[in-house]
Amino acid sequence: MSPTLSLTLDLHVHTNYSHDGCDSVDKIVDSAIAKKLDGIAICDHDTMNGSYAAQKYVADTGLGLIIIPGIEVTTSKGHLIVLGMEEGIAKGLSPWETIRIARQREKKNSTVVIIAPHPYHPFRHSIGDLCVHSELDIDAIEIFNSRYFSGVANEIARRKAARRNITAVAGSDAHSAECVGLATVEVEVEIEQQSEQKMLLDAILSGIKEGKVKIKSCEKTPFWTYFKQLL
């Protein structure tokens, strides 16, 4: 029987490859390591270049951080996070078309996880109640997003996820290195210690899809940090 690894991950991180990201890939990765995370998902807006750069930086430096490739896609109805793909998806498509493309690529390559991020946060391209409609094929709902003022939107997401009985996740939505790791999840995977990186990534993504994930930490982005980034 394979050993079980318990991994602490931040599933929603931005670099300066996002139009509103503040810090470089190396600063983001170094911050994650300093905070003793096992891995992070790079989810830059409408580009996977940050993911590619982070994977290269970790490989070149020999750092022991798992980089989950991801993208936060701007659909016609709001944002969707897609984890596990090797290439991005064009922005501006409907959420149904975006998901259809992601599922097609999943069949060809590796496991793909689709998350509705900050679904009820106002003024943030949120997808709202579409994320709880059964016809929208998502894998998880982000019920805690660190970038908030009152927390009401997070609570609505938590209740909606529980009502639909869909996997709940959290993410820092960090746009700067200091905010990496404010919100994390714990995923348990069964895999050999010396397994290849791709096998480990598939195990993590499969664990999320199967609901083998629990929220570990939930901290709010400091007010002035969030306010300055909004400006």
Protein backbone atom coordinates (compact mmCIF):
# COMPACT_ATOMS: atom_id res chain seq x y z
CA MET A 1 0.00 0.00 0.00
CA SER A 2 1.35 3.43 -0.99
CA PRO A 3 2.06 5.93 1.78
CA THR A 4 -0.32 8.83 2.29
CA LEU A 5 1.05 12.34 1.95
CA SER A 6 -0.77 15.30 3.44
CA LEU A 7 0.02 18.39 1.36
CA THR A 8 -0.65 22.03 2.25
CA LEU A 9 -1.51 24.03 -0.86
CA ASP A 10 -2.60 27.52 -1.84
CA LEU A 11 -4.88 27.00 -4.85
CA HIS A 12 -5.20 30.61 -6.02
CA VAL A 13 -2.03 32.67 -6.53
CA HIS A 14 -1.17 35.41 -9.04
CA THR A 15 2.17 36.65 -10.31
CA ASN A 16 3.04 39.77 -12.29
CA TYR A 17 2.07 37.87 -15.42
CA SER A 18 -1.45 38.88 -14.38
CA HIS A 19 -2.40 42.42 -15.38
CA ASP A 20 -2.97 43.21 -11.70
CA GLY A 21 -0.23 41.06 -10.17
CA CYS A 22 2.49 42.83 -8.17
CA ASP A 23 5.38 40.40 -7.70
CA SER A 24 7.63 38.25 -9.84
CA VAL A 25 7.53 34.47 -10.01
CA ASP A 26 10.69 34.07 -7.93
CA LYS A 27 9.32 36.27 -5.13
CA ILE A 28 6.02 34.35 -5.13
CA VAL A 29 7.78 30.96 -5.03
CA ASP A 30 10.26 32.06 -2.36
CA SER A 31 7.40 33.34 -0.20
CA ALA A 32 5.56 30.02 -0.51
CA ILE A 33 8.65 28.13 0.57
CA ALA A 34 9.29 30.52 3.48
CA LYS A 35 5.73 29.85 4.67
CA LYS A 36 6.36 26.09 4.47
CA LEU A 37 3.75 25.37 1.82
CA ASP A 38 4.06 22.15 -0.17
CA GLY A 39 2.72 23.73 -3.33
CA ILE A 40 0.84 26.56 -5.00
CA ALA A 41 -1.43 26.89 -8.02
CA ILE A 42 -0.42 29.76 -10.28
CA CYS A 43 -3.71 31.14 -11.66
CA ASP A 44 -2.84 34.27 -13.60
CA HIS A 45 -5.60 36.05 -15.48
CA ASP A 46 -6.07 34.65 -18.99
CA THR A 47 -2.50 33.43 -19.35
CA MET A 48 -0.46 30.40 -18.30
CA ASN A 49 2.89 32.10 -18.79
CA GLY A 50 3.24 32.59 -15.04
CA SER A 51 2.72 28.85 -14.51
CA TYR A 52 5.36 28.01 -17.10
CA ALA A 53 7.82 30.48 -15.58
CA ALA A 54 7.22 29.16 -12.06
CA GLN A 55 7.72 25.55 -13.16
CA LYS A 56 10.99 26.53 -14.85
CA TYR A 57 12.20 28.54 -11.86
CA VAL A 58 11.54 25.64 -9.47
CA ALA A 59 13.20 23.14 -11.82
CA ASP A 60 16.26 25.34 -12.44
CA THR A 61 16.83 26.10 -8.76
CA GLY A 62 15.98 22.65 -7.41
CA LEU A 63 13.43 24.05 -4.99
CA GLY A 64 11.06 21.52 -3.49
CA LEU A 65 7.80 23.31 -4.24
CA ILE A 66 4.95 21.80 -6.23
CA ILE A 67 3.68 24.12 -8.96
CA ILE A 68 0.14 23.31 -10.05
CA PRO A 69 -0.36 24.79 -13.52
CA GLY A 70 -3.48 26.92 -13.68
CA ILE A 71 -5.29 29.85 -15.22
CA GLU A 72 -8.11 32.15 -14.13
CA VAL A 73 -10.21 32.43 -17.26
CA THR A 74 -12.43 35.46 -17.85
CA THR A 75 -15.59 33.94 -19.30
CA SER A 76 -18.56 35.95 -20.58
CA LYS A 77 -20.29 35.40 -17.22
CA GLY A 78 -17.39 35.65 -14.79
CA HIS A 79 -14.15 33.99 -13.72
CA LEU A 80 -13.37 30.27 -13.66
CA ILE A 81 -10.14 28.70 -12.42
CA VAL A 82 -8.88 25.73 -14.40
CA LEU A 83 -6.05 23.67 -12.90
CA GLY A 84 -3.97 20.98 -14.55
CA MET A 85 -3.96 22.00 -18.20
CA GLU A 86 -0.88 22.34 -20.36
CA GLU A 87 -2.19 25.32 -22.34
CA GLY A 88 -4.62 28.16 -21.73
CA ILE A 89 -8.17 28.89 -22.86
CA ALA A 90 -9.20 32.07 -24.66
CA LYS A 91 -11.09 34.65 -22.63
CA GLY A 92 -14.59 35.85 -23.50
CA LEU A 93 -16.15 32.44 -24.15
CA SER A 94 -19.25 31.33 -22.27
CA PRO A 95 -18.58 29.33 -19.09
CA TRP A 96 -20.15 26.30 -20.76
CA GLU A 97 -17.80 26.53 -23.74
CA THR A 98 -14.82 27.16 -21.46
CA ILE A 99 -15.65 24.05 -19.45
CA ARG A 100 -16.26 22.00 -22.60
CA ILE A 101 -12.77 22.85 -23.87
CA ALA A 102 -11.22 22.03 -20.50
CA ARG A 103 -12.97 18.65 -20.37
CA GLN A 104 -11.86 17.81 -23.91
CA ARG A 105 -8.27 18.48 -22.98
CA GLU A 106 -8.69 16.45 -19.80
CA LYS A 107 -9.50 13.38 -21.88
CA LYS A 108 -6.34 13.86 -23.93
CA ASN A 109 -3.86 14.80 -21.23
CA SER A 110 -4.13 14.73 -17.44
CA THR A 111 -6.64 15.45 -14.71
CA VAL A 112 -8.29 18.88 -14.86
CA VAL A 113 -10.02 20.63 -11.96
CA ILE A 114 -12.48 23.49 -12.52
CA ILE A 115 -13.17 25.85 -9.62
CA ALA A 116 -15.59 28.77 -9.29
CA PRO A 117 -13.48 31.44 -7.53
CA HIS A 118 -14.98 34.15 -5.30
CA PRO A 119 -18.42 33.40 -6.86
CA TYR A 120 -20.40 35.95 -4.84
CA HIS A 121 -17.89 38.76 -4.41
CA PRO A 122 -19.31 41.95 -5.97
CA PHE A 123 -17.38 43.88 -8.62
CA ARG A 124 -14.91 41.02 -9.21
CA HIS A 125 -16.21 39.28 -12.35
CA SER A 126 -17.87 36.68 -10.15
CA ILE A 127 -19.92 33.90 -11.67
CA GLY A 128 -22.63 33.96 -8.99
CA ASP A 129 -25.41 31.40 -8.89
CA LEU A 130 -24.23 29.81 -12.13
CA CYS A 131 -21.72 27.90 -10.01
CA VAL A 132 -24.47 26.05 -8.16
CA HIS A 133 -26.48 25.14 -11.25
CA SER A 134 -26.14 21.42 -11.87
CA GLU A 135 -25.68 21.93 -15.62
CA LEU A 136 -22.41 23.83 -15.03
CA ASP A 137 -19.81 21.09 -14.71
CA ILE A 138 -17.47 22.45 -12.05
CA ASP A 139 -15.50 20.43 -9.50
CA ALA A 140 -15.30 22.83 -6.58
CA ILE A 141 -16.41 26.19 -5.21
CA GLU A 142 -14.02 28.60 -3.52
CA ILE A 143 -15.86 29.27 -0.26
CA PHE A 144 -13.05 31.31 1.27
CA ASN A 145 -11.17 33.95 -0.69
CA SER A 146 -8.77 36.10 1.33
CA ARG A 147 -9.50 39.31 -0.57
CA TYR A 148 -12.64 40.64 1.09
CA PHE A 149 -13.93 43.40 3.32
CA SER A 150 -16.98 41.98 5.11
CA GLY A 151 -16.88 38.22 4.51
CA VAL A 152 -20.55 38.03 3.48
CA ALA A 153 -19.72 36.73 -0.01
CA ASN A 154 -17.57 33.94 1.43
CA GLU A 155 -20.42 32.89 3.72
CA ILE A 156 -22.89 32.80 0.83
CA ALA A 157 -20.48 30.61 -1.14
CA ARG A 158 -20.06 28.28 1.84
CA ARG A 159 -23.82 27.81 2.19
CA LYS A 160 -24.34 27.30 -1.54
CA ALA A 161 -21.55 24.71 -1.73
CA ALA A 162 -23.01 22.82 1.22
CA ARG A 163 -26.49 22.90 -0.30
CA ARG A 164 -25.25 21.50 -3.60
CA ASN A 165 -22.87 19.11 -1.79
CA ILE A 166 -19.93 20.20 -3.91
CA THR A 167 -16.29 20.23 -2.85
CA ALA A 168 -15.31 23.40 -0.97
CA VAL A 169 -11.85 24.94 -1.32
CA ALA A 170 -10.03 28.11 -0.24
CA GLY A 171 -7.45 30.33 -1.88
CA SER A 172 -5.49 33.41 -0.91
CA ASP A 173 -6.02 35.04 -4.33
CA ALA A 174 -2.61 36.53 -3.58
CA HIS A 175 -1.56 39.33 -5.90
CA SER A 176 1.68 39.90 -3.99
CA ALA A 177 4.23 37.67 -2.30
CA GLU A 178 3.28 38.72 1.21
CA CYS A 179 -0.25 37.30 0.75
CA VAL A 180 0.73 33.85 -0.48
CA GLY A 181 -0.54 31.19 1.92
CA LEU A 182 -3.18 33.30 3.66
CA ALA A 183 -5.75 30.66 2.69
CA THR A 184 -4.75 27.04 2.19
CA VAL A 185 -6.19 23.58 1.77
CA GLU A 186 -4.89 20.20 2.78
CA VAL A 187 -5.03 17.40 0.21
CA GLU A 188 -4.22 13.79 1.02
CA VAL A 189 -2.66 11.72 -1.74
CA GLU A 190 -1.48 8.14 -1.88
CA ILE A 191 1.71 8.03 -3.91
CA GLU A 192 5.27 6.77 -3.71
CA GLN A 193 7.71 9.30 -2.28
CA GLN A 194 9.92 9.19 -5.39
CA SER A 195 7.12 9.42 -7.95
CA GLU A 196 7.45 11.67 -10.97
CA GLN A 197 6.14 15.24 -10.74
CA LYS A 198 3.35 14.55 -13.23
CA MET A 199 2.09 11.61 -11.17
CA LEU A 200 2.10 13.78 -8.06
CA LEU A 201 0.17 16.54 -9.82
CA ASP A 202 -2.41 14.04 -11.08
CA ALA A 203 -2.77 12.63 -7.57
CA ILE A 204 -3.36 16.12 -6.14
CA LEU A 205 -5.90 17.07 -8.79
CA SER A 206 -7.67 13.72 -8.51
CA GLY A 207 -7.81 14.17 -4.74
CA ILE A 208 -9.54 17.54 -5.14
CA LYS A 209 -12.00 16.11 -7.68
CA GLU A 210 -12.79 13.25 -5.30
CA GLY A 211 -13.33 15.60 -2.38
CA LYS A 212 -10.24 14.48 -0.46
CA VAL A 213 -9.53 18.07 0.48
CA LYS A 214 -10.19 20.17 3.55
CA ILE A 215 -9.68 23.82 4.28
CA LYS A 216 -6.67 24.38 6.52
CA SER A 217 -6.20 28.12 6.99
CA CYS A 218 -8.39 31.16 6.37
CA GLU A 219 -6.77 34.55 6.88
CA LYS A 220 -7.93 37.86 5.51
CA THR A 221 -5.77 40.00 3.22
CA PRO A 222 -4.61 43.01 5.27
CA PHE A 223 -6.99 45.91 4.62
CA TRP A 224 -4.41 48.39 3.35
CA THR A 225 -2.76 45.79 1.11
CA TYR A 226 -6.09 44.97 -0.53
CA PHE A 227 -7.07 48.66 -0.75
CA LYS A 228 -3.79 49.66 -2.42
CA GLN A 229 -4.10 46.82 -4.91
CA LEU A 230 -7.65 47.84 -5.76
CA LEU A 231 -6.43 51.36 -6.44
